[in-house]
C-alpha atoms as a PDB file:
ATOM      1  CA  UNK A   1      57.144  68.662  65.250  1.00  0.00           C
ATOM      2  CA  UNK A   2      58.733  65.424  64.170  1.00  0.00           C
ATOM      3  CA  UNK A   3      58.801  63.304  61.054  1.00  0.00           C
ATOM      4  CA  UNK A   4      58.491  59.564  61.518  1.00  0.00           C
ATOM      5  CA  UNK A   5      62.152  58.770  60.999  1.00  0.00           C
ATOM      6  CA  UNK A   6      65.509  60.338  61.725  1.00  0.00           C
ATOM      7  CA  UNK A   7      68.693  59.527  59.868  1.00  0.00           C
ATOM      8  CA  UNK A   8      71.388  61.793  61.253  1.00  0.00           C
ATOM      9  CA  UNK A   9      74.278  62.677  58.990  1.00  0.00           C
ATOM     10  CA  UNK A  10      77.871  62.875  60.246  1.00  0.00           C
ATOM     11  CA  UNK A  11      78.138  66.126  58.274  1.00  0.00           C
ATOM     12  CA  UNK A  12      77.715  69.026  60.778  1.00  0.00           C
ATOM     13  CA  UNK A  13      76.086  71.085  58.034  1.00  0.00           C
ATOM     14  CA  UNK A  14      73.146  68.676  58.202  1.00  0.00           C
ATOM     15  CA  UNK A  15      72.014  69.951  61.610  1.00  0.00           C
ATOM     16  CA  UNK A  16      70.937  73.543  62.188  1.00  0.00           C
ATOM     17  CA  UNK A  17      70.565  74.808  65.757  1.00  0.00           C
ATOM     18  CA  UNK A  18      68.518  77.982  66.169  1.00  0.00           C
ATOM     19  CA  UNK A  19      67.848  80.073  69.274  1.00  0.00           C
ATOM     20  CA  UNK A  20      64.861  82.393  69.556  1.00  0.00           C
ATOM     21  CA  UNK A  21      66.129  85.709  70.964  1.00  0.00           C
ATOM     22  CA  UNK A  22      64.474  87.117  74.067  1.00  0.00           C
ATOM     23  CA  UNK A  23      62.377  90.311  73.870  1.00  0.00           C
ATOM     24  CA  UNK A  24      65.051  92.103  75.888  1.00  0.00           C
ATOM     25  CA  UNK A  25      67.437  91.735  72.955  1.00  0.00           C
ATOM     26  CA  UNK A  26      65.295  94.175  70.966  1.00  0.00           C
ATOM     27  CA  UNK A  27      65.360  92.290  67.662  1.00  0.00           C
ATOM     28  CA  UNK A  28      62.635  90.888  65.433  1.00  0.00           C
ATOM     29  CA  UNK A  29      62.768  87.219  66.523  1.00  0.00           C
ATOM     30  CA  UNK A  30      61.557  85.813  63.201  1.00  0.00           C
ATOM     31  CA  UNK A  31      64.054  87.880  61.228  1.00  0.00           C
ATOM     32  CA  UNK A  32      66.771  86.843  63.705  1.00  0.00           C
ATOM     33  CA  UNK A  33      65.964  83.165  63.086  1.00  0.00           C
ATOM     34  CA  UNK A  34      66.141  83.751  59.340  1.00  0.00           C
ATOM     35  CA  UNK A  35      69.551  85.414  59.734  1.00  0.00           C
ATOM     36  CA  UNK A  36      70.785  82.467  61.834  1.00  0.00           C
ATOM     37  CA  UNK A  37      69.712  80.072  59.082  1.00  0.00           C
ATOM     38  CA  UNK A  38      71.454  82.205  56.463  1.00  0.00           C
ATOM     39  CA  UNK A  39      74.643  82.216  58.534  1.00  0.00           C
ATOM     40  CA  UNK A  40      74.572  78.413  58.683  1.00  0.00           C
ATOM     41  CA  UNK A  41      75.013  78.289  54.918  1.00  0.00           C
ATOM     42  CA  UNK A  42      77.886  80.769  55.074  1.00  0.00           C
ATOM     43  CA  UNK A  43      79.650  78.927  57.881  1.00  0.00           C
ATOM     44  CA  UNK A  44      79.588  75.683  55.936  1.00  0.00           C
ATOM     45  CA  UNK A  45      80.559  77.317  52.629  1.00  0.00           C
ATOM     46  CA  UNK A  46      77.626  75.954  50.667  1.00  0.00           C
ATOM     47  CA  UNK A  47      78.089  76.386  46.885  1.00  0.00           C
ATOM     48  CA  UNK A  48      76.975  79.782  45.530  1.00  0.00           C
ATOM     49  CA  UNK A  49      75.296  80.541  48.865  1.00  0.00           C
ATOM     50  CA  UNK A  50      75.811  84.318  48.632  1.00  0.00           C
ATOM     51  CA  UNK A  51      74.039  84.456  45.276  1.00  0.00           C
ATOM     52  CA  UNK A  52      71.278  82.181  46.529  1.00  0.00           C
ATOM     53  CA  UNK A  53      70.650  84.469  49.532  1.00  0.00           C
ATOM     54  CA  UNK A  54      70.369  87.513  47.305  1.00  0.00           C
ATOM     55  CA  UNK A  55      67.740  85.701  45.250  1.00  0.00           C
ATOM     56  CA  UNK A  56      65.816  84.530  48.327  1.00  0.00           C
ATOM     57  CA  UNK A  57      65.765  87.976  49.920  1.00  0.00           C
ATOM     58  CA  UNK A  58      64.378  89.459  46.720  1.00  0.00           C
ATOM     59  CA  UNK A  59      61.729  86.784  46.266  1.00  0.00           C
ATOM     60  CA  UNK A  60      60.720  86.375  49.928  1.00  0.00           C
ATOM     61  CA  UNK A  61      61.054  89.680  51.811  1.00  0.00           C
ATOM     62  CA  UNK A  62      58.626  88.658  54.598  1.00  0.00           C
ATOM     63  CA  UNK A  63      60.583  87.171  57.555  1.00  0.00           C
ATOM     64  CA  UNK A  64      58.454  84.036  58.103  1.00  0.00           C
ATOM     65  CA  UNK A  65      58.183  83.116  54.422  1.00  0.00           C
ATOM     66  CA  UNK A  66      61.855  83.935  53.905  1.00  0.00           C
ATOM     67  CA  UNK A  67      62.804  81.782  56.886  1.00  0.00           C
ATOM     68  CA  UNK A  68      61.050  78.759  55.374  1.00  0.00           C
ATOM     69  CA  UNK A  69      62.547  79.429  51.951  1.00  0.00           C
ATOM     70  CA  UNK A  70      66.033  79.609  53.479  1.00  0.00           C
ATOM     71  CA  UNK A  71      65.581  76.250  55.218  1.00  0.00           C
ATOM     72  CA  UNK A  72      64.412  74.667  51.964  1.00  0.00           C
ATOM     73  CA  UNK A  73      67.473  76.106  50.216  1.00  0.00           C
ATOM     74  CA  UNK A  74      69.754  74.701  52.912  1.00  0.00           C
ATOM     75  CA  UNK A  75      68.171  71.269  52.609  1.00  0.00           C
ATOM     76  CA  UNK A  76      68.467  71.327  48.819  1.00  0.00           C
ATOM     77  CA  UNK A  77      72.160  72.203  49.055  1.00  0.00           C
ATOM     78  CA  UNK A  78      72.896  69.227  51.296  1.00  0.00           C
ATOM     79  CA  UNK A  79      72.964  65.623  50.044  1.00  0.00           C
ATOM     80  CA  UNK A  80      71.675  63.934  53.170  1.00  0.00           C
ATOM     81  CA  UNK A  81      68.046  63.523  54.159  1.00  0.00           C
ATOM     82  CA  UNK A  82      66.461  64.600  56.334  1.00  0.00           C
ATOM     83  CA  UNK A  83      67.970  67.958  57.213  1.00  0.00           C
ATOM     84  CA  UNK A  84      67.594  68.483  60.981  1.00  0.00           C
ATOM     85  CA  UNK A  85      66.485  71.837  62.394  1.00  0.00           C
ATOM     86  CA  UNK A  86      66.424  72.364  66.175  1.00  0.00           C
ATOM     87  CA  UNK A  87      64.687  75.514  67.424  1.00  0.00           C
ATOM     88  CA  UNK A  88      65.207  76.332  71.081  1.00  0.00           C
ATOM     89  CA  UNK A  89      62.889  78.484  73.236  1.00  0.00           C
ATOM     90  CA  UNK A  90      59.924  78.886  70.905  1.00  0.00           C
ATOM     91  CA  UNK A  91      57.865  79.738  74.019  1.00  0.00           C
ATOM     92  CA  UNK A  92      59.320  83.233  73.574  1.00  0.00           C
ATOM     93  CA  UNK A  93      56.991  83.446  70.558  1.00  0.00           C
ATOM     94  CA  UNK A  94      53.968  82.207  72.502  1.00  0.00           C
ATOM     95  CA  UNK A  95      51.508  84.291  74.511  1.00  0.00           C
ATOM     96  CA  UNK A  96      52.450  82.811  77.876  1.00  0.00           C
ATOM     97  CA  UNK A  97      50.415  82.557  81.104  1.00  0.00           C
ATOM     98  CA  UNK A  98      47.531  84.880  81.847  1.00  0.00           C
ATOM     99  CA  UNK A  99      46.377  85.360  78.257  1.00  0.00           C
ATOM    100  CA  UNK A 100      42.933  84.719  76.834  1.00  0.00           C
ATOM    101  CA  UNK A 101      44.012  82.217  74.222  1.00  0.00           C
ATOM    102  CA  UNK A 102      46.084  80.153  76.639  1.00  0.00           C
ATOM    103  CA  UNK A 103      49.854  80.200  77.145  1.00  0.00           C
ATOM    104  CA  UNK A 104      50.438  78.119  74.006  1.00  0.00           C
ATOM    105  CA  UNK A 105      48.721  80.619  71.695  1.00  0.00           C
ATOM    106  CA  UNK A 106      51.045  82.231  69.162  1.00  0.00           C
ATOM    107  CA  UNK A 107      51.818  85.905  69.176  1.00  0.00           C
ATOM    108  CA  UNK A 108      50.362  87.547  66.052  1.00  0.00           C
ATOM    109  CA  UNK A 109      53.778  87.989  64.477  1.00  0.00           C
ATOM    110  CA  UNK A 110      54.674  84.328  65.082  1.00  0.00           C
ATOM    111  CA  UNK A 111      51.554  82.498  63.906  1.00  0.00           C
ATOM    112  CA  UNK A 112      52.589  82.517  60.246  1.00  0.00           C
ATOM    113  CA  UNK A 113      56.125  81.435  61.196  1.00  0.00           C
ATOM    114  CA  UNK A 114      54.710  78.406  63.031  1.00  0.00           C
ATOM    115  CA  UNK A 115      52.540  77.468  60.047  1.00  0.00           C
ATOM    116  CA  UNK A 116      55.609  77.618  57.837  1.00  0.00           C
ATOM    117  CA  UNK A 117      57.458  75.346  60.265  1.00  0.00           C
ATOM    118  CA  UNK A 118      54.571  72.885  60.308  1.00  0.00           C
ATOM    119  CA  UNK A 119      54.594  72.770  56.504  1.00  0.00           C
ATOM    120  CA  UNK A 120      58.338  72.101  56.458  1.00  0.00           C
ATOM    121  CA  UNK A 121      57.938  69.179  58.856  1.00  0.00           C
ATOM    122  CA  UNK A 122      54.976  67.782  56.908  1.00  0.00           C
ATOM    123  CA  UNK A 123      57.016  67.739  53.688  1.00  0.00           C
ATOM    124  CA  UNK A 124      59.200  65.034  55.240  1.00  0.00           C
ATOM    125  CA  UNK A 125      62.665  66.083  54.063  1.00  0.00           C
ATOM    126  CA  UNK A 126      63.289  68.354  57.066  1.00  0.00           C
ATOM    127  CA  UNK A 127      63.063  67.115  60.639  1.00  0.00           C
ATOM    128  CA  UNK A 128      61.991  69.884  63.000  1.00  0.00           C
ATOM    129  CA  UNK A 129      62.613  69.706  66.745  1.00  0.00           C
ATOM    130  CA  UNK A 130      61.358  72.567  68.886  1.00  0.00           C
ATOM    131  CA  UNK A 131      61.554  73.179  72.634  1.00  0.00           C
ATOM    132  CA  UNK A 132      58.802  75.037  74.492  1.00  0.00           C
ATOM    133  CA  UNK A 133      57.261  75.278  77.926  1.00  0.00           C
ATOM    134  CA  UNK A 134      53.769  75.422  76.427  1.00  0.00           C
ATOM    135  CA  UNK A 135      52.627  72.501  74.254  1.00  0.00           C
ATOM    136  CA  UNK A 136      49.271  73.508  72.797  1.00  0.00           C
ATOM    137  CA  UNK A 137      46.264  71.574  71.593  1.00  0.00           C
ATOM    138  CA  UNK A 138      47.380  72.080  67.981  1.00  0.00           C
ATOM    139  CA  UNK A 139      50.402  69.840  68.540  1.00  0.00           C
ATOM    140  CA  UNK A 140      49.546  66.166  67.836  1.00  0.00           C
ATOM    141  CA  UNK A 141      50.206  63.816  70.730  1.00  0.00           C
ATOM    142  CA  UNK A 142      52.588  61.719  68.621  1.00  0.00           C
ATOM    143  CA  UNK A 143      54.722  64.824  68.075  1.00  0.00           C
ATOM    144  CA  UNK A 144      54.971  65.863  71.713  1.00  0.00           C
ATOM    145  CA  UNK A 145      57.596  64.581  74.115  1.00  0.00           C
ATOM    146  CA  UNK A 146      57.061  65.996  77.583  1.00  0.00           C
ATOM    147  CA  UNK A 147      60.059  66.430  79.870  1.00  0.00           C
ATOM    148  CA  UNK A 148      59.556  65.964  83.622  1.00  0.00           C
ATOM    149  CA  UNK A 149      61.222  68.308  86.131  1.00  0.00           C
ATOM    150  CA  UNK A 150      64.843  67.607  86.966  1.00  0.00           C
ATOM    151  CA  UNK A 151      65.595  65.429  89.959  1.00  0.00           C
ATOM    152  CA  UNK A 152      67.203  67.296  92.875  1.00  0.00           C
ATOM    153  CA  UNK A 153      70.584  65.741  92.078  1.00  0.00           C
ATOM    154  CA  UNK A 154      70.356  66.745  88.388  1.00  0.00           C
ATOM    155  CA  UNK A 155      69.298  70.289  89.320  1.00  0.00           C
ATOM    156  CA  UNK A 156      72.224  70.501  91.734  1.00  0.00           C
ATOM    157  CA  UNK A 157      74.644  69.387  89.017  1.00  0.00           C
ATOM    158  CA  UNK A 158      73.128  71.792  86.491  1.00  0.00           C
ATOM    159  CA  UNK A 159      73.980  74.727  88.737  1.00  0.00           C
ATOM    160  CA  UNK A 160      77.674  73.956  88.329  1.00  0.00           C
ATOM    161  CA  UNK A 161      77.404  75.155  84.701  1.00  0.00           C
ATOM    162  CA  UNK A 162      76.306  78.677  85.712  1.00  0.00           C
ATOM    163  CA  UNK A 163      78.979  81.162  86.763  1.00  0.00           C
ATOM    164  CA  UNK A 164      77.147  82.761  89.703  1.00  0.00           C
ATOM    165  CA  UNK A 165      75.460  79.613  90.984  1.00  0.00           C
ATOM    166  CA  UNK A 166      78.679  77.599  90.793  1.00  0.00           C
ATOM    167  CA  UNK A 167      80.261  80.013  93.288  1.00  0.00           C
ATOM    168  CA  UNK A 168      77.637  79.273  95.931  1.00  0.00           C
ATOM    169  CA  UNK A 169      78.254  76.849  98.752  1.00  0.00           C
ATOM    170  CA  UNK A 170      76.695  73.382  98.498  1.00  0.00           C
ATOM    171  CA  UNK A 171      74.161  74.309 101.170  1.00  0.00           C
ATOM    172  CA  UNK A 172      73.140  77.461  99.283  1.00  0.00           C
ATOM    173  CA  UNK A 173      72.755  75.501  96.075  1.00  0.00           C
ATOM    174  CA  UNK A 174      70.619  72.881  97.834  1.00  0.00           C
ATOM    175  CA  UNK A 175      68.285  75.648  98.990  1.00  0.00           C
ATOM    176  CA  UNK A 176      67.973  76.967  95.439  1.00  0.00           C
ATOM    177  CA  UNK A 177      67.295  73.433  94.201  1.00  0.00           C
ATOM    178  CA  UNK A 178      64.244  73.367  96.489  1.00  0.00           C
ATOM    179  CA  UNK A 179      63.082  76.745  95.194  1.00  0.00           C
ATOM    180  CA  UNK A 180      63.516  75.761  91.538  1.00  0.00           C
ATOM    181  CA  UNK A 181      61.315  72.638  91.877  1.00  0.00           C
ATOM    182  CA  UNK A 182      63.406  71.047  89.134  1.00  0.00           C
ATOM    183  CA  UNK A 183      62.642  73.581  86.394  1.00  0.00           C
ATOM    184  CA  UNK A 184      65.746  74.348  84.276  1.00  0.00           C
ATOM    185  CA  UNK A 185      64.535  77.795  83.206  1.00  0.00           C
ATOM    186  CA  UNK A 186      64.010  78.751  86.852  1.00  0.00           C
ATOM    187  CA  UNK A 187      67.615  77.759  87.528  1.00  0.00           C
ATOM    188  CA  UNK A 188      68.741  79.989  84.665  1.00  0.00           C
ATOM    189  CA  UNK A 189      66.697  82.877  86.083  1.00  0.00           C
ATOM    190  CA  UNK A 190      68.170  82.283  89.536  1.00  0.00           C
ATOM    191  CA  UNK A 191      71.642  82.559  88.060  1.00  0.00           C
ATOM    192  CA  UNK A 192      70.771  85.990  86.684  1.00  0.00           C
ATOM    193  CA  UNK A 193      69.102  87.182  89.883  1.00  0.00           C
ATOM    194  CA  UNK A 194      71.156  85.623  92.636  1.00  0.00           C
ATOM    195  CA  UNK A 195      73.138  87.816  94.991  1.00  0.00           C
ATOM    196  CA  UNK A 196      75.450  85.717  97.120  1.00  0.00           C
ATOM    197  CA  UNK A 197      74.975  87.945 100.135  1.00  0.00           C
ATOM    198  CA  UNK A 198      71.191  87.611  99.982  1.00  0.00           C
ATOM    199  CA  UNK A 199      71.149  83.825  99.974  1.00  0.00           C
ATOM    200  CA  UNK A 200      70.286  82.616 103.431  1.00  0.00           C
END
């Protein structure tokens, strides 16, 4: 989701970076995103933020509605416009391959959260950037920026940032580059799964 213009502020409080937790982490992902947004206000010592959070939690106990209310409170507490929110890995909240509604369909507990995010972007004072592997039909073409697979050289360089993959020989990394087909998430999975002794 994107508004039509972006005016970045030099104030780091004006950009909020959120990460959707994986199912293996055993947390409610929507509630976790709300807590991350709340922590942003604490980290940047926004005026009367503790009192504001108490009020928001009382008024908006539902995670999705409370998440949106927290973002609006953050934006209101900051002088610059728009407030930029970057949400990474929202595909964790999507159905994924092999499901009847298509991989881009929202899990039942995430559909309301996505509607809240759409409303925030439509209001114009908050710029929302979200990364996903599954761009669905409900995302307007003007709001979708597709990313092609990494080139072999970029995939090779990316591996240097992962502890286990960085320890491999150049020839071993080149073989994994071929297996990854340029997909960054596949490279991340390979880092978790690789066993140096099993790499031929």
